[in-house]
Amino acid sequence: MLTLEGLCIQQDDFTLSADLSIAAGARVAVVGPSGAGKSTFLGAMAGFVPLTKGRITWKGQDLTDAAPAVRPIAMLFQDHNLFPHLTAAQNIGLGLRPDLRLSTAQRGAVDRALEQVGLQGLGPRKPSQLSGGQQSRVAIARVLLQNRPVILLDEPFAALGPALKVEMLDLVAQMAAQQAATLLMVSHDPDDAARLCPQTVLVAEGRAFAPQDTSVLLADPPPALRAYLG
């Protein structure tokens, strides 16, 4: 269980609060109007955004003051954070060791990750030599190779076309299921949310609301979400 207890974030005139729990193994979309704080919400869980008050726990373990690197959380950002001077295999290997001093077993794990995401033989290529979809697969492989029980996705496929985005969403669903990972994904597209996530956290009006059924929420959205979706 991932629990946000009495959480409050204050940044200048922006405030976001949350008091909710997410079951282990759940797949949860995070939706809401632009500027509502969806990325801030994920950033707080990952340890990149400081809390004004409250605490975050995972299976009873207090993560509130833990550094991002030691949290049981892996995060994939919208720009994928691929290093242009490193190969695809090296970018993936960063998920195991930031200094890339990989053992033979770890290099084998990178090769298997490349195969899992359909990039066999492309390990030596730099990001500039890969398509947008292939870059997304490299980023997914790095996150999954960390084997963290919680995965956070911050609109990682927003720049992809519809068909390729569906392919990436299905790949993430498959990989998360294999690892029994808890997944939260920020999305501005209700179709993406419905395809990947049975539950949804609405972020609106300064609050992240408890998870609710995605189909029910999208069928009858509250005013703040209805105005955003149009």
C-alpha atoms as a PDB file:
ATOM      1  CA  MET A   1       0.000   0.000   0.000  1.00  0.00           C
ATOM      2  CA  LEU A   2       1.297   3.438  -1.007  1.00  0.00           C
ATOM      3  CA  THR A   3      -0.091   5.981   1.443  1.00  0.00           C
ATOM      4  CA  LEU A   4      -0.023   9.774   1.346  1.00  0.00           C
ATOM      5  CA  GLU A   5      -1.035  10.912   4.814  1.00  0.00           C
ATOM      6  CA  GLY A   6      -1.976  14.558   5.345  1.00  0.00           C
ATOM      7  CA  LEU A   7       0.311  15.575   2.483  1.00  0.00           C
ATOM      8  CA  CYS A   8       0.644  19.271   1.692  1.00  0.00           C
ATOM      9  CA  ILE A   9       2.899  20.994  -0.835  1.00  0.00           C
ATOM     10  CA  GLN A  10       3.206  24.772  -0.935  1.00  0.00           C
ATOM     11  CA  GLN A  11       5.166  26.614  -3.609  1.00  0.00           C
ATOM     12  CA  ASP A  12       4.598  30.390  -3.621  1.00  0.00           C
ATOM     13  CA  ASP A  13       0.837  30.747  -4.240  1.00  0.00           C
ATOM     14  CA  PHE A  14       0.401  27.104  -5.277  1.00  0.00           C
ATOM     15  CA  THR A  15      -0.919  24.539  -2.794  1.00  0.00           C
ATOM     16  CA  LEU A  16      -1.628  20.849  -3.271  1.00  0.00           C
ATOM     17  CA  SER A  17      -2.962  18.479  -0.635  1.00  0.00           C
ATOM     18  CA  ALA A  18      -3.558  14.728  -0.635  1.00  0.00           C
ATOM     19  CA  ASP A  19      -4.772  12.154   1.856  1.00  0.00           C
ATOM     20  CA  LEU A  20      -5.138   8.840   0.053  1.00  0.00           C
ATOM     21  CA  SER A  21      -3.881   5.292  -0.398  1.00  0.00           C
ATOM     22  CA  ILE A  22      -3.115   3.232  -3.500  1.00  0.00           C
ATOM     23  CA  ALA A  23      -3.174  -0.546  -3.332  1.00  0.00           C
ATOM     24  CA  ALA A  24      -0.057  -2.518  -4.218  1.00  0.00           C
ATOM     25  CA  GLY A  25      -0.220  -3.672  -7.827  1.00  0.00           C
ATOM     26  CA  ALA A  26      -2.823  -1.083  -8.850  1.00  0.00           C
ATOM     27  CA  ARG A  27      -2.634   0.809 -12.136  1.00  0.00           C
ATOM     28  CA  VAL A  28      -3.776   4.382 -11.567  1.00  0.00           C
ATOM     29  CA  ALA A  29      -4.084   7.320 -13.954  1.00  0.00           C
ATOM     30  CA  VAL A  30      -3.490  10.856 -12.676  1.00  0.00           C
ATOM     31  CA  VAL A  31      -5.643  13.364 -14.541  1.00  0.00           C
ATOM     32  CA  GLY A  32      -6.744  16.955 -14.127  1.00  0.00           C
ATOM     33  CA  PRO A  33      -6.620  20.444 -15.615  1.00  0.00           C
ATOM     34  CA  SER A  34      -3.336  21.929 -16.818  1.00  0.00           C
ATOM     35  CA  GLY A  35      -1.399  23.446 -13.946  1.00  0.00           C
ATOM     36  CA  ALA A  36      -3.375  21.558 -11.308  1.00  0.00           C
ATOM     37  CA  GLY A  37      -0.242  19.844  -9.961  1.00  0.00           C
ATOM     38  CA  LYS A  38      -0.186  16.388 -11.547  1.00  0.00           C
ATOM     39  CA  SER A  39       3.578  16.364 -12.135  1.00  0.00           C
ATOM     40  CA  THR A  40       4.133  17.901  -8.707  1.00  0.00           C
ATOM     41  CA  PHE A  41       2.080  15.087  -7.201  1.00  0.00           C
ATOM     42  CA  LEU A  42       4.314  12.437  -8.798  1.00  0.00           C
ATOM     43  CA  GLY A  43       7.460  14.403  -8.024  1.00  0.00           C
ATOM     44  CA  ALA A  44       6.574  14.471  -4.336  1.00  0.00           C
ATOM     45  CA  MET A  45       6.182  10.691  -4.227  1.00  0.00           C
ATOM     46  CA  ALA A  46       9.509  10.221  -6.001  1.00  0.00           C
ATOM     47  CA  GLY A  47      11.258  12.601  -3.604  1.00  0.00           C
ATOM     48  CA  PHE A  48      11.990  15.404  -6.075  1.00  0.00           C
ATOM     49  CA  VAL A  49       9.427  17.823  -4.589  1.00  0.00           C
ATOM     50  CA  PRO A  50       9.674  18.584  -0.846  1.00  0.00           C
ATOM     51  CA  LEU A  51       6.613  18.323   1.377  1.00  0.00           C
ATOM     52  CA  THR A  52       5.421  21.205   3.507  1.00  0.00           C
ATOM     53  CA  LYS A  53       3.810  18.677   5.818  1.00  0.00           C
ATOM     54  CA  GLY A  54       2.511  15.125   5.869  1.00  0.00           C
ATOM     55  CA  ARG A  55       4.224  11.839   5.124  1.00  0.00           C
ATOM     56  CA  ILE A  56       4.526   9.166   2.451  1.00  0.00           C
ATOM     57  CA  THR A  57       4.743   5.479   3.287  1.00  0.00           C
ATOM     58  CA  TRP A  58       5.118   2.278   1.274  1.00  0.00           C
ATOM     59  CA  LYS A  59       3.993  -0.903   3.030  1.00  0.00           C
ATOM     60  CA  GLY A  60       4.493   0.844   6.349  1.00  0.00           C
ATOM     61  CA  GLN A  61       7.981   2.153   5.531  1.00  0.00           C
ATOM     62  CA  ASP A  62       8.239   5.947   5.939  1.00  0.00           C
ATOM     63  CA  LEU A  63       9.686   7.475   2.759  1.00  0.00           C
ATOM     64  CA  THR A  64       9.096  11.124   3.620  1.00  0.00           C
ATOM     65  CA  ASP A  65      12.726  12.091   4.182  1.00  0.00           C
ATOM     66  CA  ALA A  66      14.332   9.402   1.999  1.00  0.00           C
ATOM     67  CA  ALA A  67      16.448  10.458  -0.969  1.00  0.00           C
ATOM     68  CA  PRO A  68      14.972   9.636  -4.401  1.00  0.00           C
ATOM     69  CA  ALA A  69      17.653   7.034  -5.120  1.00  0.00           C
ATOM     70  CA  VAL A  70      16.773   4.891  -2.112  1.00  0.00           C
ATOM     71  CA  ARG A  71      12.994   5.003  -2.496  1.00  0.00           C
ATOM     72  CA  PRO A  72      11.252   1.907  -3.895  1.00  0.00           C
ATOM     73  CA  ILE A  73      10.139   4.103  -6.787  1.00  0.00           C
ATOM     74  CA  ALA A  74      11.233   4.480 -10.417  1.00  0.00           C
ATOM     75  CA  MET A  75      10.086   7.492 -12.420  1.00  0.00           C
ATOM     76  CA  LEU A  76       9.889   8.048 -16.166  1.00  0.00           C
ATOM     77  CA  PHE A  77       9.718  11.684 -17.234  1.00  0.00           C
ATOM     78  CA  GLN A  78       8.094  13.122 -20.336  1.00  0.00           C
ATOM     79  CA  ASP A  79      11.435  13.861 -22.017  1.00  0.00           C
ATOM     80  CA  HIS A  80      12.727  10.347 -21.156  1.00  0.00           C
ATOM     81  CA  ASN A  81      15.999  11.749 -19.730  1.00  0.00           C
ATOM     82  CA  LEU A  82      18.159   9.860 -22.207  1.00  0.00           C
ATOM     83  CA  PHE A  83      21.789  10.964 -22.363  1.00  0.00           C
ATOM     84  CA  PRO A  84      22.694  11.723 -25.998  1.00  0.00           C
ATOM     85  CA  HIS A  85      26.375  10.746 -25.618  1.00  0.00           C
ATOM     86  CA  LEU A  86      25.520   7.269 -24.295  1.00  0.00           C
ATOM     87  CA  THR A  87      24.321   4.270 -26.279  1.00  0.00           C
ATOM     88  CA  ALA A  88      20.893   2.735 -25.775  1.00  0.00           C
ATOM     89  CA  ALA A  89      22.467  -0.072 -23.739  1.00  0.00           C
ATOM     90  CA  GLN A  90      24.382   2.401 -21.572  1.00  0.00           C
ATOM     91  CA  ASN A  91      21.264   4.509 -20.981  1.00  0.00           C
ATOM     92  CA  ILE A  92      19.469   1.372 -19.837  1.00  0.00           C
ATOM     93  CA  GLY A  93      22.436   0.311 -17.709  1.00  0.00           C
ATOM     94  CA  LEU A  94      22.129   3.530 -15.702  1.00  0.00           C
ATOM     95  CA  GLY A  95      19.109   1.915 -14.096  1.00  0.00           C
ATOM     96  CA  LEU A  96      21.485  -0.571 -12.468  1.00  0.00           C
ATOM     97  CA  ARG A  97      24.603   1.508 -11.798  1.00  0.00           C
ATOM     98  CA  PRO A  98      25.029   5.262 -12.343  1.00  0.00           C
ATOM     99  CA  ASP A  99      28.760   4.726 -12.929  1.00  0.00           C
ATOM    100  CA  LEU A 100      28.016   2.053 -15.579  1.00  0.00           C
ATOM    101  CA  ARG A 101      30.556  -0.338 -14.079  1.00  0.00           C
ATOM    102  CA  LEU A 102      28.364  -3.311 -14.843  1.00  0.00           C
ATOM    103  CA  SER A 103      29.144  -6.893 -14.004  1.00  0.00           C
ATOM    104  CA  THR A 104      28.771  -9.639 -16.585  1.00  0.00           C
ATOM    105  CA  ALA A 105      25.419 -10.545 -15.057  1.00  0.00           C
ATOM    106  CA  GLN A 106      24.258  -6.933 -15.200  1.00  0.00           C
ATOM    107  CA  ARG A 107      25.264  -6.595 -18.852  1.00  0.00           C
ATOM    108  CA  GLY A 108      23.235  -9.720 -19.505  1.00  0.00           C
ATOM    109  CA  ALA A 109      20.270  -8.105 -17.749  1.00  0.00           C
ATOM    110  CA  VAL A 110      20.596  -5.061 -20.036  1.00  0.00           C
ATOM    111  CA  ASP A 111      20.600  -7.337 -23.090  1.00  0.00           C
ATOM    112  CA  ARG A 112      17.475  -9.100 -21.831  1.00  0.00           C
ATOM    113  CA  ALA A 113      15.786  -5.743 -21.192  1.00  0.00           C
ATOM    114  CA  LEU A 114      16.552  -4.672 -24.768  1.00  0.00           C
ATOM    115  CA  GLU A 115      15.003  -7.893 -26.008  1.00  0.00           C
ATOM    116  CA  GLN A 116      11.944  -7.475 -23.773  1.00  0.00           C
ATOM    117  CA  VAL A 117      11.125  -4.097 -25.287  1.00  0.00           C
ATOM    118  CA  GLY A 118      11.838  -5.205 -28.850  1.00  0.00           C
ATOM    119  CA  LEU A 119      15.218  -3.517 -29.348  1.00  0.00           C
ATOM    120  CA  GLN A 120      17.414  -6.538 -29.975  1.00  0.00           C
ATOM    121  CA  GLY A 121      20.632  -5.514 -31.718  1.00  0.00           C
ATOM    122  CA  LEU A 122      20.079  -1.779 -31.172  1.00  0.00           C
ATOM    123  CA  GLY A 123      22.055  -1.502 -27.937  1.00  0.00           C
ATOM    124  CA  PRO A 124      25.068   0.237 -29.567  1.00  0.00           C
ATOM    125  CA  ARG A 125      22.978   3.035 -31.092  1.00  0.00           C
ATOM    126  CA  LYS A 126      22.847   6.558 -29.665  1.00  0.00           C
ATOM    127  CA  PRO A 127      19.415   8.149 -28.987  1.00  0.00           C
ATOM    128  CA  SER A 128      19.786  10.336 -32.104  1.00  0.00           C
ATOM    129  CA  GLN A 129      19.959   7.146 -34.171  1.00  0.00           C
ATOM    130  CA  LEU A 130      16.642   5.874 -32.785  1.00  0.00           C
ATOM    131  CA  SER A 131      13.061   6.770 -33.638  1.00  0.00           C
ATOM    132  CA  GLY A 132      10.786   8.392 -31.069  1.00  0.00           C
ATOM    133  CA  GLY A 133       9.145   5.073 -30.315  1.00  0.00           C
ATOM    134  CA  GLN A 134      12.505   3.351 -29.914  1.00  0.00           C
ATOM    135  CA  GLN A 135      13.665   6.083 -27.528  1.00  0.00           C
ATOM    136  CA  SER A 136      10.515   5.487 -25.487  1.00  0.00           C
ATOM    137  CA  ARG A 137      11.338   1.784 -25.337  1.00  0.00           C
ATOM    138  CA  VAL A 138      14.856   2.548 -24.070  1.00  0.00           C
ATOM    139  CA  ALA A 139      13.392   4.718 -21.309  1.00  0.00           C
ATOM    140  CA  ILE A 140      10.860   2.030 -20.388  1.00  0.00           C
ATOM    141  CA  ALA A 141      13.590  -0.611 -20.280  1.00  0.00           C
ATOM    142  CA  ARG A 142      15.699   1.511 -17.907  1.00  0.00           C
ATOM    143  CA  VAL A 143      12.782   2.018 -15.536  1.00  0.00           C
ATOM    144  CA  LEU A 144      11.800  -1.643 -15.579  1.00  0.00           C
ATOM    145  CA  LEU A 145      15.381  -2.811 -15.091  1.00  0.00           C
ATOM    146  CA  GLN A 146      15.448  -0.967 -11.767  1.00  0.00           C
ATOM    147  CA  ASN A 147      12.812  -3.482 -10.637  1.00  0.00           C
ATOM    148  CA  ARG A 148      11.241  -1.034  -8.185  1.00  0.00           C
ATOM    149  CA  PRO A 149       7.789  -1.944  -6.862  1.00  0.00           C
ATOM    150  CA  VAL A 150       6.350   1.499  -7.712  1.00  0.00           C
ATOM    151  CA  ILE A 151       6.577   3.023 -11.215  1.00  0.00           C
ATOM    152  CA  LEU A 152       5.645   6.650 -11.924  1.00  0.00           C
ATOM    153  CA  LEU A 153       5.085   7.841 -15.504  1.00  0.00           C
ATOM    154  CA  ASP A 154       4.813  11.572 -16.202  1.00  0.00           C
ATOM    155  CA  GLU A 155       3.157  11.781 -19.643  1.00  0.00           C
ATOM    156  CA  PRO A 156       6.017   9.826 -21.243  1.00  0.00           C
ATOM    157  CA  PHE A 157       4.219   9.208 -24.543  1.00  0.00           C
ATOM    158  CA  ALA A 158       2.544  12.570 -25.128  1.00  0.00           C
ATOM    159  CA  ALA A 159       4.701  13.307 -28.186  1.00  0.00           C
ATOM    160  CA  LEU A 160       3.930  10.012 -29.928  1.00  0.00           C
ATOM    161  CA  GLY A 161       1.287   9.413 -32.571  1.00  0.00           C
ATOM    162  CA  PRO A 162      -1.907   7.546 -31.625  1.00  0.00           C
ATOM    163  CA  ALA A 163      -0.938   4.094 -32.904  1.00  0.00           C
ATOM    164  CA  LEU A 164       2.551   4.166 -31.411  1.00  0.00           C
ATOM    165  CA  LYS A 165       1.223   5.511 -28.123  1.00  0.00           C
ATOM    166  CA  VAL A 166      -1.222   2.600 -27.850  1.00  0.00           C
ATOM    167  CA  GLU A 167       1.676   0.220 -28.493  1.00  0.00           C
ATOM    168  CA  MET A 168       3.705   1.828 -25.683  1.00  0.00           C
ATOM    169  CA  LEU A 169       0.774   1.769 -23.255  1.00  0.00           C
ATOM    170  CA  ASP A 170       0.233  -1.927 -23.898  1.00  0.00           C
ATOM    171  CA  LEU A 171       3.944  -2.615 -23.433  1.00  0.00           C
ATOM    172  CA  VAL A 172       3.943  -0.789 -20.085  1.00  0.00           C
ATOM    173  CA  ALA A 173       0.875  -2.739 -18.971  1.00  0.00           C
ATOM    174  CA  GLN A 174       2.573  -6.012 -19.882  1.00  0.00           C
ATOM    175  CA  MET A 175       5.835  -5.148 -18.137  1.00  0.00           C
ATOM    176  CA  ALA A 176       4.107  -3.816 -15.001  1.00  0.00           C
ATOM    177  CA  ALA A 177       2.045  -6.995 -14.769  1.00  0.00           C
ATOM    178  CA  GLN A 178       5.152  -9.160 -15.051  1.00  0.00           C
ATOM    179  CA  GLN A 179       6.750  -7.281 -12.147  1.00  0.00           C
ATOM    180  CA  ALA A 180       3.493  -6.933 -10.152  1.00  0.00           C
ATOM    181  CA  ALA A 181       4.384  -3.246  -9.935  1.00  0.00           C
ATOM    182  CA  THR A 182       2.192  -0.425  -8.697  1.00  0.00           C
ATOM    183  CA  LEU A 183       1.825   2.069 -11.547  1.00  0.00           C
ATOM    184  CA  LEU A 184       0.774   5.727 -11.597  1.00  0.00           C
ATOM    185  CA  MET A 185       0.635   7.589 -14.909  1.00  0.00           C
ATOM    186  CA  VAL A 186      -0.037  11.270 -15.517  1.00  0.00           C
ATOM    187  CA  SER A 187      -2.079  11.703 -18.687  1.00  0.00           C
ATOM    188  CA  HIS A 188      -4.016  14.458 -20.405  1.00  0.00           C
ATOM    189  CA  ASP A 189      -5.733  11.937 -22.689  1.00  0.00           C
ATOM    190  CA  PRO A 190      -8.796  10.149 -21.244  1.00  0.00           C
ATOM    191  CA  ASP A 191      -8.398   7.343 -23.787  1.00  0.00           C
ATOM    192  CA  ASP A 192      -4.907   6.603 -22.450  1.00  0.00           C
ATOM    193  CA  ALA A 193      -6.199   6.579 -18.897  1.00  0.00           C
ATOM    194  CA  ALA A 194      -9.046   4.229 -19.780  1.00  0.00           C
ATOM    195  CA  ARG A 195      -6.788   1.859 -21.732  1.00  0.00           C
ATOM    196  CA  LEU A 196      -4.109   1.399 -19.082  1.00  0.00           C
ATOM    197  CA  CYS A 197      -5.590   2.268 -15.707  1.00  0.00           C
ATOM    198  CA  PRO A 198      -8.721   0.846 -14.036  1.00  0.00           C
ATOM    199  CA  GLN A 199      -8.467   3.574 -11.384  1.00  0.00           C
ATOM    200  CA  THR A 200      -7.872   7.313 -11.567  1.00  0.00           C
ATOM    201  CA  VAL A 201      -6.697  10.019  -9.165  1.00  0.00           C
ATOM    202  CA  LEU A 202      -8.205  13.394 -10.022  1.00  0.00           C
ATOM    203  CA  VAL A 203      -5.969  16.392  -9.302  1.00  0.00           C
ATOM    204  CA  ALA A 204      -7.990  19.597  -9.277  1.00  0.00           C
ATOM    205  CA  GLU A 205      -8.657  22.687  -7.174  1.00  0.00           C
ATOM    206  CA  GLY A 206      -5.601  22.167  -4.990  1.00  0.00           C
ATOM    207  CA  ARG A 207      -6.258  18.556  -4.098  1.00  0.00           C
ATOM    208  CA  ALA A 208      -5.428  15.044  -5.254  1.00  0.00           C
ATOM    209  CA  PHE A 209      -8.564  12.994  -4.664  1.00  0.00           C
ATOM    210  CA  ALA A 210      -8.659   9.336  -3.665  1.00  0.00           C
ATOM    211  CA  PRO A 211      -8.577   6.804  -6.533  1.00  0.00           C
ATOM    212  CA  GLN A 212     -11.894   6.049  -8.163  1.00  0.00           C
ATOM    213  CA  ASP A 213     -13.105   3.879 -11.013  1.00  0.00           C
ATOM    214  CA  THR A 214     -11.804   5.355 -14.271  1.00  0.00           C
ATOM    215  CA  SER A 215     -14.855   4.513 -16.360  1.00  0.00           C
ATOM    216  CA  VAL A 216     -17.217   6.019 -13.788  1.00  0.00           C
ATOM    217  CA  LEU A 217     -15.162   9.204 -13.463  1.00  0.00           C
ATOM    218  CA  LEU A 218     -14.880   9.751 -17.210  1.00  0.00           C
ATOM    219  CA  ALA A 219     -18.554   8.973 -17.798  1.00  0.00           C
ATOM    220  CA  ASP A 220     -19.616  11.715 -15.384  1.00  0.00           C
ATOM    221  CA  PRO A 221     -16.638  14.005 -14.689  1.00  0.00           C
ATOM    222  CA  PRO A 222     -16.864  16.736 -12.035  1.00  0.00           C
ATOM    223  CA  PRO A 223     -17.041  20.340 -13.311  1.00  0.00           C
ATOM    224  CA  ALA A 224     -13.281  21.015 -13.089  1.00  0.00           C
ATOM    225  CA  LEU A 225     -12.455  17.953 -15.172  1.00  0.00           C
ATOM    226  CA  ARG A 226     -15.373  18.433 -17.567  1.00  0.00           C
ATOM    227  CA  ALA A 227     -14.201  21.940 -18.390  1.00  0.00           C
ATOM    228  CA  TYR A 228     -10.698  20.628 -19.110  1.00  0.00           C
ATOM    229  CA  LEU A 229     -11.833  17.682 -21.254  1.00  0.00           C
ATOM    230  CA  GLY A 230     -14.344  19.808 -23.152  1.00  0.00           C
END
